PDB file of N, CA and C in Angstrom:
ATOM      1  N   UNK A   1     -42.570 183.369  63.924  1.00  0.00           N
ATOM      2  CA  UNK A   1     -42.935 182.688  65.146  1.00  0.00           C
ATOM      3  C   UNK A   1     -41.822 182.817  66.199  1.00  0.00           C
ATOM      4  N   UNK A   2     -40.554 182.639  65.769  1.00  0.00           N
ATOM      5  CA  UNK A   2     -39.427 182.719  66.689  1.00  0.00           C
ATOM      6  C   UNK A   2     -39.296 184.126  67.273  1.00  0.00           C
ATOM      7  N   UNK A   3     -39.463 185.142  66.455  1.00  0.00           N
ATOM      8  CA  UNK A   3     -39.349 186.525  66.919  1.00  0.00           C
ATOM      9  C   UNK A   3     -40.464 186.828  67.908  1.00  0.00           C
ATOM     10  N   UNK A   4     -41.681 186.402  67.630  1.00  0.00           N
ATOM     11  CA  UNK A   4     -42.803 186.650  68.522  1.00  0.00           C
ATOM     12  C   UNK A   4     -42.569 185.981  69.879  1.00  0.00           C
ATOM     13  N   UNK A   5     -42.036 184.753  69.876  1.00  0.00           N
ATOM     14  CA  UNK A   5     -41.739 184.052  71.121  1.00  0.00           C
ATOM     15  C   UNK A   5     -40.655 184.747  71.916  1.00  0.00           C
ATOM     16  N   UNK A   6     -39.637 185.275  71.248  1.00  0.00           N
ATOM     17  CA  UNK A   6     -38.551 185.987  71.933  1.00  0.00           C
ATOM     18  C   UNK A   6     -39.044 187.271  72.568  1.00  0.00           C
ATOM     19  N   UNK A   7     -39.910 187.991  71.851  1.00  0.00           N
ATOM     20  CA  UNK A   7     -40.459 189.224  72.403  1.00  0.00           C
ATOM     21  C   UNK A   7     -41.315 188.912  73.620  1.00  0.00           C
ATOM     22  N   UNK A   8     -42.100 187.849  73.547  1.00  0.00           N
ATOM     23  CA  UNK A   8     -42.931 187.442  74.686  1.00  0.00           C
ATOM     24  C   UNK A   8     -42.050 187.129  75.895  1.00  0.00           C
ATOM     25  N   UNK A   9     -40.947 186.395  75.682  1.00  0.00           N
ATOM     26  CA  UNK A   9     -40.027 186.051  76.769  1.00  0.00           C
ATOM     27  C   UNK A   9     -39.423 187.309  77.384  1.00  0.00           C
ATOM     28  N   UNK A  10     -39.014 188.250  76.570  1.00  0.00           N
ATOM     29  CA  UNK A  10     -38.430 189.496  77.070  1.00  0.00           C
ATOM     30  C   UNK A  10     -39.447 190.280  77.891  1.00  0.00           C
ATOM     31  N   UNK A  11     -40.685 190.330  77.427  1.00  0.00           N
ATOM     32  CA  UNK A  11     -41.735 191.052  78.157  1.00  0.00           C
ATOM     33  C   UNK A  11     -41.998 190.386  79.509  1.00  0.00           C
ATOM     34  N   UNK A  12     -42.090 189.066  79.533  1.00  0.00           N
ATOM     35  CA  UNK A  12     -42.329 188.350  80.793  1.00  0.00           C
ATOM     36  C   UNK A  12     -41.160 188.571  81.757  1.00  0.00           C
ATOM     37  N   UNK A  13     -39.931 188.478  81.284  1.00  0.00           N
ATOM     38  CA  UNK A  13     -38.772 188.722  82.149  1.00  0.00           C
ATOM     39  C   UNK A  13     -38.770 190.146  82.683  1.00  0.00           C
ATOM     40  N   UNK A  14     -39.202 191.094  81.875  1.00  0.00           N
ATOM     41  CA  UNK A  14     -39.306 192.485  82.328  1.00  0.00           C
ATOM     42  C   UNK A  14     -40.302 192.629  83.461  1.00  0.00           C
ATOM     43  N   UNK A  15     -41.455 191.958  83.349  1.00  0.00           N
ATOM     44  CA  UNK A  15     -42.457 191.996  84.415  1.00  0.00           C
ATOM     45  C   UNK A  15     -41.931 191.361  85.699  1.00  0.00           C
ATOM     46  N   UNK A  16     -41.243 190.239  85.558  1.00  0.00           N
ATOM     47  CA  UNK A  16     -40.698 189.564  86.740  1.00  0.00           C
ATOM     48  C   UNK A  16     -39.655 190.442  87.421  1.00  0.00           C
ATOM     49  N   UNK A  17     -38.754 191.026  86.658  1.00  0.00           N
ATOM     50  CA  UNK A  17     -37.729 191.908  87.223  1.00  0.00           C
ATOM     51  C   UNK A  17     -38.359 193.090  87.934  1.00  0.00           C
ATOM     52  N   UNK A  18     -39.382 193.692  87.320  1.00  0.00           N
ATOM     53  CA  UNK A  18     -40.069 194.822  87.940  1.00  0.00           C
ATOM     54  C   UNK A  18     -40.735 194.407  89.237  1.00  0.00           C
ATOM     55  N   UNK A  19     -41.365 193.243  89.257  1.00  0.00           N
ATOM     56  CA  UNK A  19     -42.039 192.762  90.471  1.00  0.00           C
ATOM     57  C   UNK A  19     -41.047 192.491  91.589  1.00  0.00           C
ATOM     58  N   UNK A  20     -39.923 191.852  91.269  1.00  0.00           N
ATOM     59  CA  UNK A  20     -38.908 191.561  92.282  1.00  0.00           C
ATOM     60  C   UNK A  20     -38.302 192.854  92.803  1.00  0.00           C
ATOM     61  N   UNK A  21     -38.024 193.783  91.922  1.00  0.00           N
ATOM     62  CA  UNK A  21     -37.447 195.065  92.321  1.00  0.00           C
ATOM     63  C   UNK A  21     -38.405 195.821  93.233  1.00  0.00           C
ATOM     64  N   UNK A  22     -39.673 195.851  92.900  1.00  0.00           N
ATOM     65  CA  UNK A  22     -40.669 196.547  93.729  1.00  0.00           C
ATOM     66  C   UNK A  22     -40.803 195.871  95.084  1.00  0.00           C
ATOM     67  N   UNK A  23     -40.777 194.550  95.116  1.00  0.00           N
ATOM     68  CA  UNK A  23     -40.962 193.818  96.366  1.00  0.00           C
ATOM     69  C   UNK A  23     -39.774 193.958  97.306  1.00  0.00           C
ATOM     70  N   UNK A  24     -38.607 194.261  96.794  1.00  0.00           N
ATOM     71  CA  UNK A  24     -37.418 194.354  97.634  1.00  0.00           C
ATOM     72  C   UNK A  24     -36.949 195.792  97.829  1.00  0.00           C
ATOM     73  N   UNK A  25     -37.793 196.751  97.528  1.00  0.00           N
ATOM     74  CA  UNK A  25     -37.422 198.140  97.748  1.00  0.00           C
ATOM     75  C   UNK A  25     -36.367 198.628  96.784  1.00  0.00           C
ATOM     76  N   UNK A  26     -36.338 198.097  95.583  1.00  0.00           N
ATOM     77  CA  UNK A  26     -35.396 198.584  94.579  1.00  0.00           C
ATOM     78  C   UNK A  26     -34.177 197.719  94.383  1.00  0.00           C
ATOM     79  N   UNK A  27     -33.984 196.708  95.217  1.00  0.00           N
ATOM     80  CA  UNK A  27     -32.819 195.843  95.061  1.00  0.00           C
ATOM     81  C   UNK A  27     -33.256 194.505  94.489  1.00  0.00           C
ATOM     82  N   UNK A  28     -32.554 194.050  93.475  1.00  0.00           N
ATOM     83  CA  UNK A  28     -32.827 192.734  92.913  1.00  0.00           C
ATOM     84  C   UNK A  28     -32.116 191.703  93.776  1.00  0.00           C
ATOM     85  N   UNK A  29     -32.815 190.642  94.131  1.00  0.00           N
ATOM     86  CA  UNK A  29     -32.326 189.685  95.116  1.00  0.00           C
ATOM     87  C   UNK A  29     -31.144 188.831  94.677  1.00  0.00           C
ATOM     88  N   UNK A  30     -30.756 188.868  93.432  1.00  0.00           N
ATOM     89  CA  UNK A  30     -29.721 187.961  92.965  1.00  0.00           C
ATOM     90  C   UNK A  30     -28.307 188.463  93.193  1.00  0.00           C
ATOM     91  N   UNK A  31     -28.110 189.642  93.730  1.00  0.00           N
ATOM     92  CA  UNK A  31     -26.773 190.188  93.857  1.00  0.00           C
ATOM     93  C   UNK A  31     -26.319 190.381  95.284  1.00  0.00           C
ATOM     94  N   UNK A  32     -25.230 191.110  95.385  1.00  0.00           N
ATOM     95  CA  UNK A  32     -24.644 191.434  96.677  1.00  0.00           C
ATOM     96  C   UNK A  32     -24.530 192.944  96.796  1.00  0.00           C
ATOM     97  N   UNK A  33     -24.509 193.416  98.029  1.00  0.00           N
ATOM     98  CA  UNK A  33     -24.346 194.835  98.304  1.00  0.00           C
ATOM     99  C   UNK A  33     -23.224 194.993  99.323  1.00  0.00           C
ATOM    100  N   UNK A  34     -22.414 196.013  99.151  1.00  0.00           N
ATOM    101  CA  UNK A  34     -21.316 196.297 100.073  1.00  0.00           C
ATOM    102  C   UNK A  34     -21.788 197.201 101.197  1.00  0.00           C
ATOM    103  N   UNK A  35     -21.377 196.845 102.414  1.00  0.00           N
ATOM    104  CA  UNK A  35     -21.726 197.614 103.600  1.00  0.00           C
ATOM    105  C   UNK A  35     -20.499 197.801 104.476  1.00  0.00           C
ATOM    106  N   UNK A  36     -20.541 198.846 105.298  1.00  0.00           N
ATOM    107  CA  UNK A  36     -19.556 199.045 106.350  1.00  0.00           C
ATOM    108  C   UNK A  36     -20.289 198.824 107.660  1.00  0.00           C
ATOM    109  N   UNK A  37     -19.815 197.865 108.437  1.00  0.00           N
ATOM    110  CA  UNK A  37     -20.419 197.512 109.719  1.00  0.00           C
ATOM    111  C   UNK A  37     -19.524 198.071 110.818  1.00  0.00           C
ATOM    112  N   UNK A  38     -20.083 198.920 111.672  1.00  0.00           N
ATOM    113  CA  UNK A  38     -19.320 199.522 112.771  1.00  0.00           C
ATOM    114  C   UNK A  38     -19.790 198.890 114.070  1.00  0.00           C
ATOM    115  N   UNK A  39     -18.823 198.457 114.887  1.00  0.00           N
ATOM    116  CA  UNK A  39     -19.127 197.746 116.126  1.00  0.00           C
ATOM    117  C   UNK A  39     -19.361 198.690 117.298  1.00  0.00           C
ATOM    118  N   UNK A  40     -20.171 198.205 118.251  1.00  0.00           N
ATOM    119  CA  UNK A  40     -20.353 198.906 119.524  1.00  0.00           C
ATOM    120  C   UNK A  40     -19.103 198.687 120.369  1.00  0.00           C
ATOM    121  N   UNK A  41     -18.795 199.675 121.196  1.00  0.00           N
ATOM    122  CA  UNK A  41     -17.653 199.554 122.107  1.00  0.00           C
ATOM    123  C   UNK A  41     -18.106 198.859 123.377  1.00  0.00           C
ATOM    124  N   UNK A  42     -17.278 198.127 124.040  1.00  0.00           N
ATOM    125  CA  UNK A  42     -15.897 197.786 123.727  1.00  0.00           C
ATOM    126  C   UNK A  42     -15.845 196.679 122.666  1.00  0.00           C
ATOM    127  N   UNK A  43     -14.762 196.689 121.900  1.00  0.00           N
ATOM    128  CA  UNK A  43     -14.597 195.729 120.808  1.00  0.00           C
ATOM    129  C   UNK A  43     -13.428 194.808 121.134  1.00  0.00           C
ATOM    130  N   UNK A  44     -13.687 193.512 121.083  1.00  0.00           N
ATOM    131  CA  UNK A  44     -12.638 192.516 121.316  1.00  0.00           C
ATOM    132  C   UNK A  44     -12.442 191.688 120.047  1.00  0.00           C
ATOM    133  N   UNK A  45     -11.426 190.859 120.065  1.00  0.00           N
ATOM    134  CA  UNK A  45     -11.181 189.964 118.927  1.00  0.00           C
ATOM    135  C   UNK A  45     -12.347 188.995 118.751  1.00  0.00           C
ATOM    136  N   UNK A  46     -13.017 188.648 119.853  1.00  0.00           N
ATOM    137  CA  UNK A  46     -14.178 187.756 119.769  1.00  0.00           C
ATOM    138  C   UNK A  46     -15.314 188.396 118.961  1.00  0.00           C
ATOM    139  N   UNK A  47     -15.459 189.709 119.051  1.00  0.00           N
ATOM    140  CA  UNK A  47     -16.479 190.414 118.262  1.00  0.00           C
ATOM    141  C   UNK A  47     -16.154 190.283 116.783  1.00  0.00           C
ATOM    142  N   UNK A  48     -14.887 190.491 116.422  1.00  0.00           N
ATOM    143  CA  UNK A  48     -14.482 190.344 115.025  1.00  0.00           C
ATOM    144  C   UNK A  48     -14.732 188.914 114.536  1.00  0.00           C
ATOM    145  N   UNK A  49     -14.373 187.925 115.371  1.00  0.00           N
ATOM    146  CA  UNK A  49     -14.574 186.528 114.981  1.00  0.00           C
ATOM    147  C   UNK A  49     -16.054 186.219 114.785  1.00  0.00           C
ATOM    148  N   UNK A  50     -16.875 186.671 115.710  1.00  0.00           N
ATOM    149  CA  UNK A  50     -18.323 186.425 115.617  1.00  0.00           C
ATOM    150  C   UNK A  50     -18.901 187.084 114.364  1.00  0.00           C
ATOM    151  N   UNK A  51     -18.509 188.317 114.101  1.00  0.00           N
ATOM    152  CA  UNK A  51     -19.014 189.044 112.929  1.00  0.00           C
ATOM    153  C   UNK A  51     -18.581 188.363 111.632  1.00  0.00           C
ATOM    154  N   UNK A  52     -17.309 187.955 111.554  1.00  0.00           N
ATOM    155  CA  UNK A  52     -16.833 187.245 110.358  1.00  0.00           C
ATOM    156  C   UNK A  52     -17.640 185.967 110.144  1.00  0.00           C
ATOM    157  N   UNK A  53     -17.868 185.241 111.216  1.00  0.00           N
ATOM    158  CA  UNK A  53     -18.638 184.000 111.144  1.00  0.00           C
ATOM    159  C   UNK A  53     -20.073 184.263 110.684  1.00  0.00           C
ATOM    160  N   UNK A  54     -20.696 185.307 111.217  1.00  0.00           N
ATOM    161  CA  UNK A  54     -22.076 185.645 110.835  1.00  0.00           C
ATOM    162  C   UNK A  54     -22.164 186.048 109.366  1.00  0.00           C
ATOM    163  N   UNK A  55     -21.195 186.808 108.895  1.00  0.00           N
ATOM    164  CA  UNK A  55     -21.177 187.234 107.495  1.00  0.00           C
ATOM    165  C   UNK A  55     -21.038 186.019 106.584  1.00  0.00           C
ATOM    166  N   UNK A  56     -20.103 185.142 106.905  1.00  0.00           N
ATOM    167  CA  UNK A  56     -19.881 183.957 106.075  1.00  0.00           C
ATOM    168  C   UNK A  56     -21.080 183.016 106.117  1.00  0.00           C
ATOM    169  N   UNK A  57     -21.735 182.891 107.276  1.00  0.00           N
ATOM    170  CA  UNK A  57     -22.934 182.044 107.388  1.00  0.00           C
ATOM    171  C   UNK A  57     -24.071 182.554 106.523  1.00  0.00           C
ATOM    172  N   UNK A  58     -24.107 183.857 106.308  1.00  0.00           N
ATOM    173  CA  UNK A  58     -25.158 184.463 105.472  1.00  0.00           C
ATOM    174  C   UNK A  58     -24.818 184.367 103.985  1.00  0.00           C
ATOM    175  N   UNK A  59     -23.644 183.819 103.661  1.00  0.00           N
ATOM    176  CA  UNK A  59     -23.241 183.715 102.265  1.00  0.00           C
ATOM    177  C   UNK A  59     -22.470 184.920 101.769  1.00  0.00           C
ATOM    178  N   UNK A  60     -22.075 185.798 102.697  1.00  0.00           N
ATOM    179  CA  UNK A  60     -21.313 186.992 102.332  1.00  0.00           C
ATOM    180  C   UNK A  60     -19.834 186.801 102.554  1.00  0.00           C
ATOM    181  N   UNK A  61     -19.098 187.896 102.398  1.00  0.00           N
ATOM    182  CA  UNK A  61     -17.663 187.846 102.655  1.00  0.00           C
ATOM    183  C   UNK A  61     -17.188 189.162 103.249  1.00  0.00           C
ATOM    184  N   UNK A  62     -16.148 189.059 104.059  1.00  0.00           N
ATOM    185  CA  UNK A  62     -15.502 190.231 104.643  1.00  0.00           C
ATOM    186  C   UNK A  62     -14.453 190.702 103.643  1.00  0.00           C
ATOM    187  N   UNK A  63     -14.526 191.969 103.269  1.00  0.00           N
ATOM    188  CA  UNK A  63     -13.571 192.496 102.292  1.00  0.00           C
ATOM    189  C   UNK A  63     -12.486 193.350 102.945  1.00  0.00           C
ATOM    190  N   UNK A  64     -12.714 193.785 104.188  1.00  0.00           N
ATOM    191  CA  UNK A  64     -11.709 194.580 104.886  1.00  0.00           C
ATOM    192  C   UNK A  64     -12.058 194.621 106.368  1.00  0.00           C
ATOM    193  N   UNK A  65     -11.045 194.787 107.210  1.00  0.00           N
ATOM    194  CA  UNK A  65     -11.253 194.944 108.653  1.00  0.00           C
ATOM    195  C   UNK A  65     -10.644 196.258 109.098  1.00  0.00           C
ATOM    196  N   UNK A  66     -11.339 196.917 110.008  1.00  0.00           N
ATOM    197  CA  UNK A  66     -10.863 198.189 110.566  1.00  0.00           C
ATOM    198  C   UNK A  66     -10.618 197.989 112.060  1.00  0.00           C
ATOM    199  N   UNK A  67      -9.359 198.216 112.488  1.00  0.00           N
ATOM    200  CA  UNK A  67      -8.973 197.978 113.882  1.00  0.00           C
ATOM    201  C   UNK A  67      -8.453 199.227 114.584  1.00  0.00           C
ATOM    202  N   UNK A  68      -8.466 200.373 113.930  1.00  0.00           N
ATOM    203  CA  UNK A  68      -7.866 201.558 114.532  1.00  0.00           C
ATOM    204  C   UNK A  68      -8.952 202.516 115.018  1.00  0.00           C
ATOM    205  N   UNK A  69      -9.082 203.662 114.428  1.00  0.00           N
ATOM    206  CA  UNK A  69     -10.063 204.654 114.874  1.00  0.00           C
ATOM    207  C   UNK A  69     -11.485 204.122 114.778  1.00  0.00           C
ATOM    208  N   UNK A  70     -11.777 203.468 113.681  1.00  0.00           N
ATOM    209  CA  UNK A  70     -13.087 202.867 113.458  1.00  0.00           C
ATOM    210  C   UNK A  70     -12.935 201.373 113.677  1.00  0.00           C
ATOM    211  N   UNK A  71     -13.824 200.789 114.463  1.00  0.00           N
ATOM    212  CA  UNK A  71     -13.774 199.351 114.723  1.00  0.00           C
ATOM    213  C   UNK A  71     -14.928 198.700 113.971  1.00  0.00           C
ATOM    214  N   UNK A  72     -14.587 197.901 112.947  1.00  0.00           N
ATOM    215  CA  UNK A  72     -15.642 197.263 112.192  1.00  0.00           C
ATOM    216  C   UNK A  72     -15.115 196.532 110.971  1.00  0.00           C
ATOM    217  N   UNK A  73     -16.042 196.249 110.060  1.00  0.00           N
ATOM    218  CA  UNK A  73     -15.734 195.473 108.868  1.00  0.00           C
ATOM    219  C   UNK A  73     -16.355 196.103 107.639  1.00  0.00           C
ATOM    220  N   UNK A  74     -15.708 195.906 106.515  1.00  0.00           N
ATOM    221  CA  UNK A  74     -16.334 196.145 105.217  1.00  0.00           C
ATOM    222  C   UNK A  74     -16.767 194.771 104.739  1.00  0.00           C
ATOM    223  N   UNK A  75     -18.036 194.640 104.390  1.00  0.00           N
ATOM    224  CA  UNK A  75     -18.574 193.333 104.025  1.00  0.00           C
ATOM    225  C   UNK A  75     -19.354 193.412 102.731  1.00  0.00           C
ATOM    226  N   UNK A  76     -19.491 192.269 102.108  1.00  0.00           N
ATOM    227  CA  UNK A  76     -20.329 192.109 100.935  1.00  0.00           C
ATOM    228  C   UNK A  76     -21.384 191.083 101.325  1.00  0.00           C
ATOM    229  N   UNK A  77     -22.661 191.525 101.383  1.00  0.00           N
ATOM    230  CA  UNK A  77     -23.749 190.659 101.824  1.00  0.00           C
ATOM    231  C   UNK A  77     -24.733 190.405 100.696  1.00  0.00           C
ATOM    232  N   UNK A  78     -25.329 189.201 100.685  1.00  0.00           N
ATOM    233  CA  UNK A  78     -26.404 188.973  99.726  1.00  0.00           C
ATOM    234  C   UNK A  78     -27.531 189.977  99.982  1.00  0.00           C
ATOM    235  N   UNK A  79     -28.124 190.480  98.925  1.00  0.00           N
ATOM    236  CA  UNK A  79     -29.221 191.439  99.081  1.00  0.00           C
ATOM    237  C   UNK A  79     -30.307 190.839  99.965  1.00  0.00           C
ATOM    238  N   UNK A  80     -30.822 191.652 100.856  1.00  0.00           N
ATOM    239  CA  UNK A  80     -31.878 191.212 101.751  1.00  0.00           C
ATOM    240  C   UNK A  80     -31.382 190.752 103.111  1.00  0.00           C
ATOM    241  N   UNK A  81     -30.063 190.649 103.319  1.00  0.00           N
ATOM    242  CA  UNK A  81     -29.540 190.160 104.589  1.00  0.00           C
ATOM    243  C   UNK A  81     -29.116 191.268 105.543  1.00  0.00           C
ATOM    244  N   UNK A  82     -29.146 192.513 105.113  1.00  0.00           N
ATOM    245  CA  UNK A  82     -28.650 193.590 105.983  1.00  0.00           C
ATOM    246  C   UNK A  82     -29.504 193.728 107.237  1.00  0.00           C
ATOM    247  N   UNK A  83     -30.805 193.502 107.135  1.00  0.00           N
ATOM    248  CA  UNK A  83     -31.671 193.610 108.318  1.00  0.00           C
ATOM    249  C   UNK A  83     -31.279 192.612 109.394  1.00  0.00           C
ATOM    250  N   UNK A  84     -30.793 191.460 108.992  1.00  0.00           N
ATOM    251  CA  UNK A  84     -30.330 190.450 109.943  1.00  0.00           C
ATOM    252  C   UNK A  84     -29.176 190.991 110.767  1.00  0.00           C
ATOM    253  N   UNK A  85     -28.301 191.745 110.150  1.00  0.00           N
ATOM    254  CA  UNK A  85     -27.108 192.234 110.835  1.00  0.00           C
ATOM    255  C   UNK A  85     -27.379 193.489 111.658  1.00  0.00           C
ATOM    256  N   UNK A  86     -28.361 194.266 111.288  1.00  0.00           N
ATOM    257  CA  UNK A  86     -28.672 195.479 112.054  1.00  0.00           C
ATOM    258  C   UNK A  86     -29.098 195.149 113.480  1.00  0.00           C
ATOM    259  N   UNK A  87     -29.647 193.960 113.690  1.00  0.00           N
ATOM    260  CA  UNK A  87     -30.123 193.585 115.015  1.00  0.00           C
ATOM    261  C   UNK A  87     -29.100 192.822 115.851  1.00  0.00           C
ATOM    262  N   UNK A  88     -27.909 192.612 115.315  1.00  0.00           N
ATOM    263  CA  UNK A  88     -26.872 191.896 116.068  1.00  0.00           C
ATOM    264  C   UNK A  88     -26.431 192.753 117.256  1.00  0.00           C
ATOM    265  N   UNK A  89     -26.193 192.140 118.418  1.00  0.00           N
ATOM    266  CA  UNK A  89     -25.850 192.925 119.615  1.00  0.00           C
ATOM    267  C   UNK A  89     -24.522 193.664 119.511  1.00  0.00           C
ATOM    268  N   UNK A  90     -23.634 193.232 118.653  1.00  0.00           N
ATOM    269  CA  UNK A  90     -22.320 193.875 118.528  1.00  0.00           C
ATOM    270  C   UNK A  90     -22.309 195.013 117.510  1.00  0.00           C
ATOM    271  N   UNK A  91     -23.403 195.243 116.781  1.00  0.00           N
ATOM    272  CA  UNK A  91     -23.445 196.245 115.718  1.00  0.00           C
ATOM    273  C   UNK A  91     -23.937 197.587 116.252  1.00  0.00           C
ATOM    274  N   UNK A  92     -23.134 198.632 116.047  1.00  0.00           N
ATOM    275  CA  UNK A  92     -23.544 199.996 116.374  1.00  0.00           C
ATOM    276  C   UNK A  92     -24.394 200.546 115.232  1.00  0.00           C
ATOM    277  N   UNK A  93     -23.849 200.476 113.995  1.00  0.00           N
ATOM    278  CA  UNK A  93     -24.621 200.860 112.817  1.00  0.00           C
ATOM    279  C   UNK A  93     -24.017 200.238 111.572  1.00  0.00           C
ATOM    280  N   UNK A  94     -24.830 200.194 110.531  1.00  0.00           N
ATOM    281  CA  UNK A  94     -24.403 199.682 109.230  1.00  0.00           C
ATOM    282  C   UNK A  94     -24.717 200.747 108.202  1.00  0.00           C
ATOM    283  N   UNK A  95     -23.766 200.961 107.311  1.00  0.00           N
ATOM    284  CA  UNK A  95     -23.960 201.955 106.252  1.00  0.00           C
ATOM    285  C   UNK A  95     -23.621 201.322 104.916  1.00  0.00           C
ATOM    286  N   UNK A  96     -24.448 201.585 103.922  1.00  0.00           N
ATOM    287  CA  UNK A  96     -24.169 201.081 102.583  1.00  0.00           C
ATOM    288  C   UNK A  96     -22.874 201.717 102.095  1.00  0.00           C
ATOM    289  N   UNK A  97     -21.990 200.892 101.555  1.00  0.00           N
ATOM    290  CA  UNK A  97     -20.700 201.363 101.067  1.00  0.00           C
ATOM    291  C   UNK A  97     -20.864 201.831  99.631  1.00  0.00           C
ATOM    292  N   UNK A  98     -20.900 203.134  99.466  1.00  0.00           N
ATOM    293  CA  UNK A  98     -20.990 203.699  98.120  1.00  0.00           C
ATOM    294  C   UNK A  98     -19.652 203.500  97.422  1.00  0.00           C
ATOM    295  N   UNK A  99     -19.618 203.622  96.130  1.00  0.00           N
ATOM    296  CA  UNK A  99     -18.399 203.394  95.360  1.00  0.00           C
ATOM    297  C   UNK A  99     -17.223 204.185  95.912  1.00  0.00           C
ATOM    298  N   UNK A 100     -16.178 203.473  96.279  1.00  0.00           N
ATOM    299  CA  UNK A 100     -14.941 204.108  96.708  1.00  0.00           C
ATOM    300  C   UNK A 100     -14.897 204.550  98.151  1.00  0.00           C
ATOM    301  N   UNK A 101     -15.996 204.517  98.872  1.00  0.00           N
ATOM    302  CA  UNK A 101     -16.006 204.986 100.252  1.00  0.00           C
ATOM    303  C   UNK A 101     -15.078 204.144 101.118  1.00  0.00           C
ATOM    304  N   UNK A 102     -15.081 202.834 100.892  1.00  0.00           N
ATOM    305  CA  UNK A 102     -14.235 201.940 101.670  1.00  0.00           C
ATOM    306  C   UNK A 102     -12.777 202.352 101.523  1.00  0.00           C
ATOM    307  N   UNK A 103     -12.357 202.706 100.320  1.00  0.00           N
ATOM    308  CA  UNK A 103     -10.979 203.119 100.100  1.00  0.00           C
ATOM    309  C   UNK A 103     -10.669 204.426 100.811  1.00  0.00           C
ATOM    310  N   UNK A 104     -11.620 205.364 100.834  1.00  0.00           N
ATOM    311  CA  UNK A 104     -11.393 206.632 101.548  1.00  0.00           C
ATOM    312  C   UNK A 104     -11.284 206.385 103.043  1.00  0.00           C
ATOM    313  N   UNK A 105     -12.127 205.513 103.586  1.00  0.00           N
ATOM    314  CA  UNK A 105     -12.058 205.208 105.019  1.00  0.00           C
ATOM    315  C   UNK A 105     -10.721 204.565 105.337  1.00  0.00           C
ATOM    316  N   UNK A 106     -10.300 203.626 104.515  1.00  0.00           N
ATOM    317  CA  UNK A 106      -9.044 202.942 104.753  1.00  0.00           C
ATOM    318  C   UNK A 106      -7.888 203.935 104.773  1.00  0.00           C
ATOM    319  N   UNK A 107      -7.872 204.915 103.885  1.00  0.00           N
ATOM    320  CA  UNK A 107      -6.812 205.912 103.846  1.00  0.00           C
ATOM    321  C   UNK A 107      -6.763 206.703 105.146  1.00  0.00           C
ATOM    322  N   UNK A 108      -7.925 207.134 105.636  1.00  0.00           N
ATOM    323  CA  UNK A 108      -7.945 207.978 106.826  1.00  0.00           C
ATOM    324  C   UNK A 108      -7.691 207.199 108.108  1.00  0.00           C
ATOM    325  N   UNK A 109      -7.750 205.884 108.058  1.00  0.00           N
ATOM    326  CA  UNK A 109      -7.539 205.090 109.263  1.00  0.00           C
ATOM    327  C   UNK A 109      -6.133 204.519 109.360  1.00  0.00           C
ATOM    328  N   UNK A 110      -5.253 204.910 108.451  1.00  0.00           N
ATOM    329  CA  UNK A 110      -3.868 204.457 108.538  1.00  0.00           C
ATOM    330  C   UNK A 110      -3.236 205.145 109.751  1.00  0.00           C
ATOM    331  N   UNK A 111      -2.654 204.371 110.664  1.00  0.00           N
ATOM    332  CA  UNK A 111      -2.027 204.985 111.841  1.00  0.00           C
ATOM    333  C   UNK A 111      -0.961 205.996 111.432  1.00  0.00           C
ATOM    334  N   UNK A 112      -0.830 207.057 112.211  1.00  0.00           N
ATOM    335  CA  UNK A 112       0.082 208.153 111.918  1.00  0.00           C
ATOM    336  C   UNK A 112       1.508 207.672 111.691  1.00  0.00           C
ATOM    337  N   UNK A 113       1.998 206.737 112.533  1.00  0.00           N
ATOM    338  CA  UNK A 113       3.375 206.288 112.384  1.00  0.00           C
ATOM    339  C   UNK A 113       3.592 205.534 111.066  1.00  0.00           C
ATOM    340  N   UNK A 114       2.575 204.814 110.595  1.00  0.00           N
ATOM    341  CA  UNK A 114       2.695 204.137 109.308  1.00  0.00           C
ATOM    342  C   UNK A 114       2.657 205.136 108.162  1.00  0.00           C
ATOM    343  N   UNK A 115       1.847 206.179 108.315  1.00  0.00           N
ATOM    344  CA  UNK A 115       1.778 207.199 107.283  1.00  0.00           C
ATOM    345  C   UNK A 115       3.126 207.893 107.133  1.00  0.00           C
ATOM    346  N   UNK A 116       3.741 208.237 108.242  1.00  0.00           N
ATOM    347  CA  UNK A 116       5.024 208.921 108.182  1.00  0.00           C
ATOM    348  C   UNK A 116       6.125 208.015 107.643  1.00  0.00           C
ATOM    349  N   UNK A 117       6.094 206.731 108.003  1.00  0.00           N
ATOM    350  CA  UNK A 117       7.164 205.839 107.544  1.00  0.00           C
ATOM    351  C   UNK A 117       7.082 205.580 106.047  1.00  0.00           C
ATOM    352  N   UNK A 118       5.900 205.653 105.450  1.00  0.00           N
ATOM    353  CA  UNK A 118       5.790 205.439 104.016  1.00  0.00           C
ATOM    354  C   UNK A 118       6.175 206.681 103.226  1.00  0.00           C
ATOM    355  N   UNK A 119       6.227 207.849 103.887  1.00  0.00           N
ATOM    356  CA  UNK A 119       6.559 209.101 103.205  1.00  0.00           C
ATOM    357  C   UNK A 119       8.064 209.295 103.065  1.00  0.00           C
ATOM    358  N   UNK A 120       8.869 208.458 103.704  1.00  0.00           N
ATOM    359  CA  UNK A 120      10.338 208.627 103.682  1.00  0.00           C
ATOM    360  C   UNK A 120      10.920 208.307 102.340  1.00  0.00           C
TER     361      UNK A 120
END
């Protein structure tokens, strides 16, 4: 009886997971997704403050800020919230942050003088 009940529970959970995944375009709603948000020019400190506030209000967090060649943020947003940010007036574009991309961007955005001073 116990084994039959456990199998039934596993089957029902499988159906629910499949339904949620299909309804959200492949993303399960219980997690977070990393994105890189690039701002429209001109960019001021007020844009950064507003974006940080919007991310935190959505239940996300800012994981990195870009202030040099690329103006924007690396963020972690609850699944399903990216559409909210795509329509923000300060957003130029948003791209899903694939594994390690944030680190590659950070490397290439180090100002030249800082790069040279660390090589000494």
